[in-house]
Each structure stands twice: as structure tokens, then as C-alpha cells.
Protein backbone atom coordinates (compact mmCIF):
# COMPACT_ATOMS: atom_id res chain seq x y z
CA MET A 1 -175.86 96.09 -84.51
CA GLN A 2 -176.22 97.11 -80.90
CA VAL A 3 -179.30 99.29 -80.25
CA LYS A 4 -178.98 99.74 -76.50
CA GLY A 5 -177.10 102.91 -75.61
CA LYS A 6 -177.47 104.45 -79.06
CA THR A 7 -179.02 107.86 -79.80
CA VAL A 8 -181.60 107.72 -82.59
CA LEU A 9 -182.99 110.60 -84.66
CA ILE A 10 -186.38 109.74 -86.18
CA THR A 11 -187.87 112.01 -88.84
CA GLY A 12 -191.66 112.04 -88.98
CA GLY A 13 -191.48 110.81 -85.41
CA ALA A 14 -194.57 112.41 -83.93
CA SER A 15 -197.14 109.94 -85.24
CA GLY A 16 -197.67 106.62 -86.98
CA ILE A 17 -194.60 104.50 -87.68
CA GLY A 18 -192.23 107.14 -86.33
CA LEU A 19 -193.96 107.39 -82.96
CA GLU A 20 -194.10 103.60 -82.63
CA ALA A 21 -190.39 103.50 -83.48
CA ALA A 22 -189.69 106.03 -80.73
CA LYS A 23 -191.56 103.82 -78.27
CA GLN A 24 -189.71 100.64 -79.24
CA PHE A 25 -186.26 102.20 -79.45
CA LEU A 26 -186.78 103.55 -75.93
CA ALA A 27 -187.84 100.08 -74.78
CA ASN A 28 -184.60 98.71 -76.25
CA GLY A 29 -182.45 101.11 -74.25
CA ALA A 30 -181.84 103.82 -76.85
CA SER A 31 -182.16 107.58 -76.46
CA VAL A 32 -184.58 109.14 -78.94
CA ILE A 33 -184.88 112.46 -80.74
CA ILE A 34 -187.94 112.96 -82.93
CA THR A 35 -188.63 115.63 -85.50
CA GLY A 36 -191.62 116.62 -87.58
CA ARG A 37 -193.54 119.57 -89.00
CA ASN A 38 -196.50 119.55 -86.61
CA GLN A 39 -195.70 121.13 -83.26
CA VAL A 40 -198.98 119.97 -81.69
CA LYS A 41 -198.21 116.33 -82.51
CA LEU A 42 -194.64 116.76 -81.25
CA ASP A 43 -195.96 118.11 -77.96
CA GLU A 44 -198.39 115.17 -77.66
CA ALA A 45 -195.56 112.70 -78.33
CA LYS A 46 -193.46 114.37 -75.65
CA LYS A 47 -196.31 113.94 -73.15
CA LEU A 48 -196.50 110.23 -73.98
CA TYR A 49 -192.74 109.70 -73.73
CA PRO A 50 -191.21 112.47 -71.57
CA SER A 51 -187.62 111.25 -72.08
CA ILE A 52 -187.60 111.95 -75.81
CA ILE A 53 -186.33 115.20 -77.32
CA ALA A 54 -188.79 116.72 -79.82
CA ILE A 55 -187.63 119.29 -82.40
CA ARG A 56 -189.90 120.89 -84.99
CA SER A 57 -188.35 120.62 -88.47
CA ASP A 58 -189.41 120.03 -92.07
CA VAL A 59 -187.07 117.68 -93.95
CA SER A 60 -188.09 119.25 -97.27
CA ASP A 61 -186.78 122.66 -96.15
CA ALA A 62 -183.01 123.18 -96.41
CA GLY A 63 -182.97 125.86 -93.71
CA ASP A 64 -184.93 123.69 -91.29
CA ALA A 65 -182.60 120.77 -91.94
CA GLN A 66 -179.52 122.86 -91.22
CA THR A 67 -181.08 124.23 -88.03
CA LEU A 68 -181.94 120.70 -86.94
CA PHE A 69 -178.35 119.60 -87.47
CA ASN A 70 -177.02 122.57 -85.51
CA GLN A 71 -179.38 121.86 -82.60
CA ILE A 72 -178.41 118.20 -82.44
CA LYS A 73 -174.71 119.08 -82.64
CA GLN A 74 -175.20 121.29 -79.58
CA LEU A 75 -176.92 118.41 -77.78
CA GLY A 76 -174.08 116.02 -78.62
CA SER A 77 -174.39 113.48 -81.41
CA ILE A 78 -176.53 110.73 -82.88
CA ASP A 79 -175.68 107.14 -83.74
CA ILE A 80 -178.69 106.26 -85.91
CA LEU A 81 -180.47 108.44 -88.45
CA TYR A 82 -183.88 106.95 -89.24
CA ASN A 83 -185.31 108.62 -92.34
CA ASN A 84 -188.96 107.76 -91.71
CA ALA A 85 -190.73 110.93 -92.90
CA GLY A 86 -192.78 110.51 -96.06
CA VAL A 87 -195.78 112.02 -97.83
CA LEU A 88 -198.45 110.75 -100.20
CA THR A 89 -200.66 113.13 -102.16
CA GLU A 90 -204.13 112.53 -103.56
CA PRO A 91 -204.30 110.44 -106.76
CA ALA A 92 -204.22 112.49 -109.96
CA ASN A 93 -204.83 111.10 -113.42
CA LEU A 94 -201.72 110.88 -115.57
CA GLY A 95 -201.65 111.66 -119.28
CA MET A 96 -203.75 114.80 -118.82
CA ALA A 97 -203.00 118.49 -118.42
CA ASN A 98 -202.84 118.78 -114.64
CA ASN A 99 -200.79 121.42 -112.87
CA GLN A 100 -201.77 120.08 -109.45
CA HIS A 101 -200.29 116.70 -110.34
CA PHE A 102 -196.93 118.32 -111.13
CA GLU A 103 -196.89 120.28 -107.86
CA ASP A 104 -197.85 117.21 -105.85
CA ALA A 105 -195.18 115.13 -107.60
CA ALA A 106 -192.50 117.71 -106.83
CA TYR A 107 -193.58 117.77 -103.19
CA GLU A 108 -193.45 113.98 -102.87
CA MET A 109 -190.00 113.77 -104.46
CA ASN A 110 -188.67 116.58 -102.26
CA VAL A 111 -189.79 114.90 -99.02
CA ASN A 112 -189.49 111.20 -99.86
CA TYR A 113 -186.22 111.31 -101.81
CA LEU A 114 -184.35 114.61 -101.79
CA GLY A 115 -185.10 115.25 -98.11
CA VAL A 116 -183.39 111.96 -97.23
CA ILE A 117 -180.27 112.89 -99.19
CA ARG A 118 -180.24 116.33 -97.58
CA LEU A 119 -180.23 114.92 -94.04
CA ASN A 120 -177.78 112.13 -94.84
CA ASN A 121 -175.32 114.65 -96.24
CA LEU A 122 -175.64 116.86 -93.17
CA PHE A 123 -175.17 114.03 -90.64
CA ILE A 124 -172.75 111.72 -92.46
CA GLU A 125 -169.54 113.04 -90.86
CA MET A 126 -171.14 112.93 -87.42
CA LEU A 127 -172.19 109.33 -88.02
CA LYS A 128 -168.73 108.40 -89.34
CA SER A 129 -167.21 109.64 -86.09
CA ARG A 130 -169.10 107.02 -84.07
CA ASN A 131 -167.73 103.52 -83.42
CA GLU A 132 -170.91 101.96 -84.79
CA SER A 133 -173.65 103.94 -86.52
CA ALA A 134 -176.44 103.56 -89.03
CA ILE A 135 -178.70 105.20 -91.58
CA ILE A 136 -182.16 103.69 -92.03
CA ASN A 137 -184.02 104.62 -95.21
CA THR A 138 -187.68 103.67 -95.55
CA THR A 139 -188.62 102.61 -99.06
CA SER A 140 -191.75 100.56 -99.77
CA ILE A 141 -193.35 97.45 -101.21
CA LEU A 142 -193.99 99.81 -104.15
CA SER A 143 -190.25 99.86 -104.80
CA TYR A 144 -190.88 96.53 -106.53
CA VAL A 145 -194.31 97.08 -108.11
CA PRO A 146 -195.78 100.54 -108.81
CA ALA A 147 -199.27 101.54 -107.72
CA LEU A 148 -201.42 103.08 -110.44
CA LEU A 149 -202.90 105.58 -107.98
CA GLU A 150 -199.52 106.44 -106.42
CA ALA A 151 -197.25 106.97 -109.40
CA THR A 152 -194.81 109.52 -107.99
CA TYR A 153 -194.83 107.98 -104.52
CA SER A 154 -193.80 104.68 -106.14
CA ALA A 155 -191.15 106.46 -108.22
CA SER A 156 -189.76 108.26 -105.17
CA LYS A 157 -189.35 104.95 -103.35
CA VAL A 158 -187.60 103.30 -106.32
CA ALA A 159 -185.21 106.26 -106.46
CA LEU A 160 -184.58 105.96 -102.73
CA GLN A 161 -183.98 102.23 -103.02
CA PHE A 162 -181.30 102.67 -105.71
CA TYR A 163 -179.72 105.52 -103.73
CA THR A 164 -179.70 103.39 -100.56
CA LYS A 165 -177.94 100.48 -102.26
CA THR A 166 -175.37 102.81 -103.78
CA LEU A 167 -174.74 104.67 -100.52
CA ARG A 168 -174.25 101.38 -98.69
CA LYS A 169 -171.69 100.22 -101.25
CA HIS A 170 -169.81 103.54 -101.20
CA LEU A 171 -169.49 103.43 -97.42
CA GLN A 172 -168.40 99.79 -97.49
CA ILE A 173 -165.65 100.64 -100.00
CA LEU A 174 -164.51 103.41 -97.64
CA ASN A 175 -164.50 100.93 -94.70
CA SER A 176 -166.87 103.26 -92.89
CA SER A 177 -168.49 102.39 -89.56
CA VAL A 178 -171.83 103.61 -90.94
CA LYS A 179 -174.23 100.79 -91.80
CA VAL A 180 -177.03 101.50 -94.28
CA PHE A 181 -180.34 99.71 -93.78
CA GLU A 182 -183.38 99.66 -96.05
CA LEU A 183 -186.81 99.09 -94.50
CA LEU A 184 -189.48 97.99 -97.00
CA PRO A 185 -192.95 98.18 -95.41
CA PRO A 186 -196.13 96.85 -97.00
CA LEU A 187 -199.35 98.83 -96.53
CA VAL A 188 -199.26 99.92 -92.87
CA ALA A 189 -202.13 101.09 -90.65
CA THR A 190 -201.40 104.80 -90.25
CA GLU A 191 -203.21 108.12 -90.79
CA MET A 192 -201.93 108.07 -94.37
CA THR A 193 -203.84 104.87 -95.16
CA ALA A 194 -206.88 105.44 -92.91
CA GLY A 195 -209.35 105.53 -95.81
CA ARG A 196 -208.30 102.19 -97.29
CA ASN A 197 -209.90 98.83 -96.52
CA ASP A 198 -206.98 96.72 -97.73
CA LYS A 199 -205.00 94.37 -95.50
CA LYS A 200 -202.58 96.41 -93.39
CA MET A 201 -199.60 95.65 -91.19
CA THR A 202 -199.58 97.21 -87.73
CA THR A 203 -197.00 99.83 -86.87
CA GLU A 204 -195.99 97.66 -83.90
CA GLY A 205 -195.27 94.67 -86.14
CA LEU A 206 -193.34 96.78 -88.63
CA VAL A 207 -191.06 98.38 -86.04
CA LYS A 208 -190.45 95.01 -84.36
CA ALA A 209 -189.25 93.71 -87.73
CA LEU A 210 -187.04 96.79 -88.14
CA ILE A 211 -185.32 96.47 -84.77
CA ALA A 212 -184.88 92.72 -85.18
CA GLY A 213 -183.25 93.39 -88.56
CA LEU A 214 -180.94 96.01 -87.09
CA LYS A 215 -179.77 93.65 -84.38
CA LYS A 216 -178.98 90.95 -86.97
CA ASP A 217 -177.28 93.39 -89.40
CA GLN A 218 -179.95 92.52 -91.98
CA PHE A 219 -179.41 95.43 -94.35
CA THR A 220 -182.55 94.81 -96.43
CA ILE A 221 -185.58 94.37 -94.18
CA ARG A 222 -188.66 93.20 -96.10
CA ALA A 223 -191.54 93.34 -93.65
CA GLY A 224 -194.90 91.59 -93.87
CA ASP A 225 -196.29 91.05 -97.38
CA THR A 226 -193.25 92.74 -98.94
CA LYS A 227 -191.37 89.42 -98.70
CA ALA A 228 -193.98 87.59 -100.78
CA VAL A 229 -194.33 90.41 -103.31
CA TYR A 230 -190.55 90.53 -103.80
CA ILE A 231 -190.44 86.80 -104.64
CA LEU A 232 -193.62 86.74 -106.72
CA ASN A 233 -192.55 89.73 -108.81
CA ARG A 234 -189.34 87.99 -109.83
CA PHE A 235 -191.21 85.09 -111.40
CA PHE A 236 -194.75 86.37 -112.07
CA PRO A 237 -194.52 90.15 -112.63
CA LYS A 238 -197.87 90.47 -114.43
CA MET A 239 -199.73 88.63 -111.68
CA THR A 240 -197.98 90.66 -108.99
CA PHE A 241 -198.89 93.91 -110.72
CA GLY A 242 -202.52 92.78 -110.61
CA LEU A 243 -202.30 92.05 -106.90
CA ILE A 244 -201.00 95.55 -106.18
CA ASN A 245 -203.48 97.12 -108.63
CA PRO A 246 -206.82 95.25 -108.42
CA ARG A 247 -209.66 95.95 -110.88
CA LYS A 248 -211.33 98.37 -108.48
CA THR A 249 -208.36 100.71 -109.08
CA TYR A 250 -209.38 101.13 -112.71
CA ALA A 251 -212.76 102.52 -111.71
CA VAL A 252 -211.04 105.22 -109.68
CA LEU A 253 -208.87 106.16 -112.66
CA ALA A 254 -211.91 106.32 -114.96
CA SER A 255 -213.90 108.56 -112.63
């Protein structure tokens, strides 16, 4: 896929992976629109990269999503929709009466899974009208092995992975110009993971892998340790589960 000359919309684009993606897409000759919930961060991103367009929008809100679509339609069109936005709530023990856990789970599913479908449905006809276009959905290493402390986050990424594969096949059957890519990051060094001491991939390395995959039409992009976990889990699922969930995790659950 050609990246140069394309217009890319990046959700969650004001920080972390999304902001690094904005930087690298610009460096590869693309035009970039970012969106996110935090206006202060959007303004800061705009100062760093004055050529980007920054629009405040919450992917979990249907009204915001529709307004975002209308604004972009007025600006012209996009060629690539990069569904990068995602949330992770605090761990909550399962198997106990816990109203906060239910509310957090609903929030994670709405942003990480349903929000992606909402935007894809809004932009699909626009993307189909382009000669070459793409949807990028960000799943996770946890699409293969769940994390005990991130149950719903893991579930949301599995749901998104199955949806992504199905959407890709549907569009292929329709001979659509829209290509559907799945990016599977490992643990990445962002604000979301700031309190963890585990090995982390840099945002720069992740986005480099993404853009390289796009250019090669590599529809499933397993970055960093995700490649090894994918292979190990096929042959040694119990061992792989232990790697994702070390013994120290059990102490957190027991506390």
C-alpha cells in the first residue's frame, strides 16, 4: 500500500502510540488528522506538528462520532482510518460482587470494540470511494493469551480481532478497495503502562513496524514479542499463559 499522499485519521492521536503515528505518517508524506477526548493534549500535539488537523471527539460517544464524520466530510475525505484509541481500567477481582468492575468492563468494551465498529460504519462508504484505502484496527498480544489483571481488555481485543478478520473477508468478497489491517502490539511504553516494570516496546518501534507492514500489504502485523507469543501459544499454551501472567500477578489478585 502506498502511504505517501494519503490522508490518515488517527483516533487517540494526541499522545502515546497515536502521536508517534502522526509523526511517522507525516514523515512518510501523508496528511494527518488526529482526534481524542483531551483538548489540552490535542493543542499540544498541534504545536508539535502544525500541519496536522486536530479535532476533539470521543469514539465511545455516538454523537461525537457523527460530528467527527461530518467535519471530515467538509474537509474532504480520508484514505486511512487508524482505530488506535483504547482504554484500560484498574484491575478488579472477578468472581465477586463488584459494581465498579461491571461499569469499567462496559466502558472498555464501548471504546475498544464498539467504538471501532461505530467509526468503521460511518467512514466505510467514504473509504470505498477511494482508489486505495485502509482500516487499521489495533488489537493486542492479549488477543492470543488473556491477562489475569486485564480480563475485559483482553476480551475486547479478542472480539476486535475476530471482527477485523471477518470485516477483511467481507470486503474482499465485495472486491472492495478497502484493505483491513490488524496491528498486534506487545506491551508498549505509554502513559497507560507507566507503572509497570515489564519489558516494553517503544512507540517508535511499533509504528515503524506498522508502516512497514502497510507498505508490504501485510494484513496481520505482529510487532515485537507478539510474534514469539503467537508461535509459543500454538504449541505450549500453558507455558505461554505463565509468561503473560507471572506468579507476582497472583499476589495482586489475592490482595
